[in-house]
């Protein structure tokens, strides 16, 4: 099954929060060779692909971002949209 996810990462109390966000985006891009599609926007990132791959990428992103930090990861999952990602 193919699914998509919209992700918004908020590193809390991080002076250089942008670096954490860009490292997380780089982590998602590392999955592109396995078939994950990544679309980075100004306020969120969309990913799409096989359900197992999407869930694996989200889990790894959360584990990376939460390691030694306090974070909020807002995630919207869908099995119908968007089809263009």
N, C-alpha and C. Protein backbone atom coordinates (compact mmCIF):
# COMPACT_ATOMS: atom_id res chain seq x y z
N UNK A 1 0.84 -1.17 0.00
CA UNK A 1 0.00 0.00 0.00
C UNK A 1 0.89 1.24 0.00
N UNK A 2 0.50 2.22 -0.78
CA UNK A 2 1.22 3.48 -0.82
C UNK A 2 0.53 4.48 0.10
N UNK A 3 1.34 5.21 0.89
CA UNK A 3 0.81 6.24 1.77
C UNK A 3 1.67 7.49 1.67
N UNK A 4 1.15 8.56 2.23
CA UNK A 4 1.92 9.80 2.29
C UNK A 4 1.81 10.38 3.69
N UNK A 5 2.75 11.26 4.01
CA UNK A 5 2.76 11.91 5.31
C UNK A 5 3.23 13.35 5.15
N UNK A 6 2.59 14.22 5.89
CA UNK A 6 3.03 15.61 6.00
C UNK A 6 3.67 15.74 7.37
N UNK A 7 4.90 16.23 7.42
CA UNK A 7 5.67 16.30 8.66
C UNK A 7 6.06 17.73 8.99
N UNK A 8 5.91 18.08 10.27
CA UNK A 8 6.38 19.37 10.78
C UNK A 8 7.15 19.08 12.06
N UNK A 9 8.43 19.41 12.07
CA UNK A 9 9.29 19.15 13.22
C UNK A 9 9.57 20.45 13.96
N UNK A 10 9.35 20.42 15.27
CA UNK A 10 9.61 21.57 16.12
C UNK A 10 10.58 21.18 17.22
N UNK A 11 11.87 21.46 17.07
CA UNK A 11 12.82 21.24 18.16
C UNK A 11 12.61 22.34 19.21
N UNK A 12 12.34 21.95 20.43
CA UNK A 12 12.05 22.92 21.49
C UNK A 12 13.33 23.32 22.22
N UNK A 13 13.43 24.58 22.57
CA UNK A 13 14.56 25.11 23.34
C UNK A 13 15.90 24.82 22.68
N UNK A 14 15.93 24.83 21.35
CA UNK A 14 17.17 24.62 20.60
C UNK A 14 17.59 25.96 20.00
N UNK A 15 18.78 26.41 20.34
CA UNK A 15 19.26 27.67 19.80
C UNK A 15 19.38 27.61 18.28
N UNK A 16 19.93 26.52 17.76
CA UNK A 16 20.08 26.36 16.31
C UNK A 16 19.08 25.32 15.80
N UNK A 17 17.79 25.63 15.96
CA UNK A 17 16.75 24.68 15.57
C UNK A 17 16.77 24.39 14.08
N UNK A 18 17.19 25.36 13.28
CA UNK A 18 17.24 25.15 11.83
C UNK A 18 18.18 24.02 11.45
N UNK A 19 19.29 23.90 12.15
CA UNK A 19 20.25 22.82 11.85
C UNK A 19 19.62 21.46 12.10
N UNK A 20 18.85 21.34 13.17
CA UNK A 20 18.18 20.07 13.48
C UNK A 20 17.17 19.74 12.38
N UNK A 21 16.41 20.73 11.95
CA UNK A 21 15.41 20.51 10.91
C UNK A 21 16.08 20.09 9.61
N UNK A 22 17.16 20.76 9.22
CA UNK A 22 17.83 20.40 7.96
C UNK A 22 18.49 19.03 8.04
N UNK A 23 19.00 18.66 9.20
CA UNK A 23 19.55 17.31 9.36
C UNK A 23 18.44 16.27 9.22
N UNK A 24 17.27 16.57 9.75
CA UNK A 24 16.13 15.66 9.62
C UNK A 24 15.70 15.54 8.16
N UNK A 25 15.71 16.65 7.43
CA UNK A 25 15.37 16.61 6.01
C UNK A 25 16.40 15.79 5.24
N UNK A 26 17.68 15.97 5.56
CA UNK A 26 18.73 15.16 4.92
C UNK A 26 18.50 13.68 5.18
N UNK A 27 18.08 13.35 6.40
CA UNK A 27 17.78 11.96 6.73
C UNK A 27 16.67 11.42 5.83
N UNK A 28 15.62 12.21 5.62
CA UNK A 28 14.53 11.78 4.73
C UNK A 28 15.04 11.60 3.30
N UNK A 29 15.88 12.52 2.83
CA UNK A 29 16.43 12.41 1.47
C UNK A 29 17.26 11.12 1.32
N UNK A 30 17.84 10.63 2.39
CA UNK A 30 18.64 9.40 2.30
C UNK A 30 17.78 8.19 1.95
N UNK A 31 16.48 8.31 2.09
CA UNK A 31 15.56 7.22 1.75
C UNK A 31 15.09 7.28 0.29
N UNK A 32 15.45 8.33 -0.43
CA UNK A 32 14.98 8.47 -1.81
C UNK A 32 15.46 7.33 -2.70
N UNK A 33 16.65 6.83 -2.47
CA UNK A 33 17.16 5.71 -3.25
C UNK A 33 16.37 4.43 -3.05
N UNK A 34 15.60 4.37 -1.98
CA UNK A 34 14.75 3.21 -1.70
C UNK A 34 13.33 3.41 -2.20
N UNK A 35 13.06 4.58 -2.81
CA UNK A 35 11.74 4.83 -3.38
C UNK A 35 10.90 5.86 -2.65
N UNK A 36 11.42 6.45 -1.57
CA UNK A 36 10.66 7.49 -0.87
C UNK A 36 10.71 8.77 -1.68
N UNK A 37 9.56 9.39 -1.84
CA UNK A 37 9.49 10.69 -2.51
C UNK A 37 9.41 11.77 -1.43
N UNK A 38 10.22 12.81 -1.58
CA UNK A 38 10.33 13.87 -0.57
C UNK A 38 10.10 15.21 -1.25
N UNK A 39 9.20 16.00 -0.68
CA UNK A 39 8.93 17.35 -1.18
C UNK A 39 9.02 18.31 0.01
N UNK A 40 10.07 19.12 0.03
CA UNK A 40 10.30 20.06 1.13
C UNK A 40 9.59 21.37 0.82
N UNK A 41 8.76 21.81 1.75
CA UNK A 41 8.05 23.08 1.61
C UNK A 41 8.51 24.05 2.68
N UNK A 42 8.01 25.28 2.64
CA UNK A 42 8.44 26.28 3.61
C UNK A 42 7.94 26.02 5.03
N UNK A 43 6.84 25.27 5.18
CA UNK A 43 6.28 25.04 6.52
C UNK A 43 6.17 23.57 6.89
N UNK A 44 6.35 22.68 5.92
CA UNK A 44 6.25 21.25 6.20
C UNK A 44 6.94 20.49 5.08
N UNK A 45 7.13 19.21 5.32
CA UNK A 45 7.73 18.32 4.32
C UNK A 45 6.75 17.19 4.05
N UNK A 46 6.54 16.88 2.77
CA UNK A 46 5.68 15.77 2.37
C UNK A 46 6.56 14.61 1.95
N UNK A 47 6.19 13.42 2.40
CA UNK A 47 6.88 12.21 1.94
C UNK A 47 5.82 11.22 1.49
N UNK A 48 6.19 10.36 0.54
CA UNK A 48 5.25 9.36 0.04
C UNK A 48 6.03 8.16 -0.45
N UNK A 49 5.38 7.01 -0.38
CA UNK A 49 5.98 5.78 -0.86
C UNK A 49 5.29 4.59 -0.24
N UNK A 50 5.93 3.45 -0.34
CA UNK A 50 5.41 2.24 0.27
C UNK A 50 5.21 2.47 1.77
N UNK A 51 4.11 1.95 2.31
CA UNK A 51 3.76 2.21 3.72
C UNK A 51 4.89 1.84 4.67
N UNK A 52 5.50 0.68 4.48
CA UNK A 52 6.59 0.27 5.38
C UNK A 52 7.75 1.25 5.33
N UNK A 53 8.06 1.74 4.15
CA UNK A 53 9.17 2.69 3.99
C UNK A 53 8.84 4.04 4.64
N UNK A 54 7.62 4.52 4.44
CA UNK A 54 7.22 5.80 5.05
C UNK A 54 7.28 5.69 6.57
N UNK A 55 6.71 4.62 7.14
CA UNK A 55 6.73 4.45 8.60
C UNK A 55 8.16 4.33 9.12
N UNK A 56 9.02 3.62 8.39
CA UNK A 56 10.42 3.48 8.81
C UNK A 56 11.12 4.84 8.82
N UNK A 57 10.88 5.65 7.79
CA UNK A 57 11.50 6.97 7.71
C UNK A 57 11.00 7.87 8.84
N UNK A 58 9.70 7.83 9.13
CA UNK A 58 9.14 8.65 10.21
C UNK A 58 9.71 8.22 11.56
N UNK A 59 9.80 6.91 11.78
CA UNK A 59 10.37 6.41 13.04
C UNK A 59 11.82 6.86 13.21
N UNK A 60 12.60 6.74 12.14
CA UNK A 60 14.01 7.13 12.23
C UNK A 60 14.15 8.63 12.44
N UNK A 61 13.33 9.41 11.74
CA UNK A 61 13.37 10.86 11.92
C UNK A 61 13.05 11.22 13.37
N UNK A 62 12.01 10.61 13.94
CA UNK A 62 11.64 10.90 15.33
C UNK A 62 12.77 10.50 16.27
N UNK A 63 13.34 9.32 16.09
CA UNK A 63 14.43 8.86 16.96
C UNK A 63 15.62 9.80 16.88
N UNK A 64 15.99 10.20 15.66
CA UNK A 64 17.10 11.14 15.49
C UNK A 64 16.81 12.46 16.20
N UNK A 65 15.66 13.05 15.91
CA UNK A 65 15.34 14.38 16.44
C UNK A 65 15.18 14.37 17.96
N UNK A 66 14.66 13.28 18.52
CA UNK A 66 14.40 13.21 19.96
C UNK A 66 15.62 12.82 20.77
N UNK A 67 16.69 12.41 20.10
CA UNK A 67 17.90 11.97 20.82
C UNK A 67 18.56 13.15 21.52
N UNK A 68 18.33 13.28 22.81
CA UNK A 68 18.93 14.35 23.59
C UNK A 68 18.23 15.70 23.46
N UNK A 69 17.08 15.71 22.81
CA UNK A 69 16.34 16.96 22.62
C UNK A 69 14.88 16.77 23.02
N UNK A 70 14.21 17.89 23.24
CA UNK A 70 12.76 17.88 23.39
C UNK A 70 12.18 18.36 22.07
N UNK A 71 11.25 17.60 21.51
CA UNK A 71 10.71 17.93 20.19
C UNK A 71 9.20 17.74 20.16
N UNK A 72 8.61 18.33 19.13
CA UNK A 72 7.24 18.02 18.73
C UNK A 72 7.32 17.67 17.25
N UNK A 73 6.76 16.53 16.87
CA UNK A 73 6.67 16.14 15.46
C UNK A 73 5.19 16.01 15.12
N UNK A 74 4.70 16.95 14.32
CA UNK A 74 3.30 16.91 13.88
C UNK A 74 3.27 16.11 12.58
N UNK A 75 2.43 15.08 12.55
CA UNK A 75 2.38 14.19 11.40
C UNK A 75 0.93 13.98 10.97
N UNK A 76 0.68 14.15 9.68
CA UNK A 76 -0.61 13.84 9.09
C UNK A 76 -0.37 12.73 8.08
N UNK A 77 -1.07 11.62 8.24
CA UNK A 77 -0.88 10.46 7.37
C UNK A 77 -2.11 10.29 6.47
N UNK A 78 -1.89 9.78 5.25
CA UNK A 78 -3.01 9.55 4.33
C UNK A 78 -2.71 8.37 3.42
N UNK A 79 -3.76 7.64 3.07
CA UNK A 79 -3.60 6.60 2.06
C UNK A 79 -4.26 7.01 0.74
N UNK A 80 -4.68 8.29 0.62
CA UNK A 80 -5.32 8.75 -0.61
C UNK A 80 -4.72 10.02 -1.19
N UNK A 81 -3.99 10.80 -0.43
CA UNK A 81 -3.48 12.06 -0.96
C UNK A 81 -2.15 12.41 -0.31
N UNK A 82 -1.34 13.25 -0.91
CA UNK A 82 -1.46 13.69 -2.29
C UNK A 82 -0.85 12.67 -3.23
N UNK A 83 -1.38 12.57 -4.40
CA UNK A 83 -0.86 11.61 -5.38
C UNK A 83 0.32 12.19 -6.16
N UNK A 84 0.53 13.49 -6.11
CA UNK A 84 1.56 14.10 -6.95
C UNK A 84 2.93 14.10 -6.30
N UNK A 85 3.06 13.85 -5.01
CA UNK A 85 4.36 13.90 -4.34
C UNK A 85 5.30 12.90 -4.96
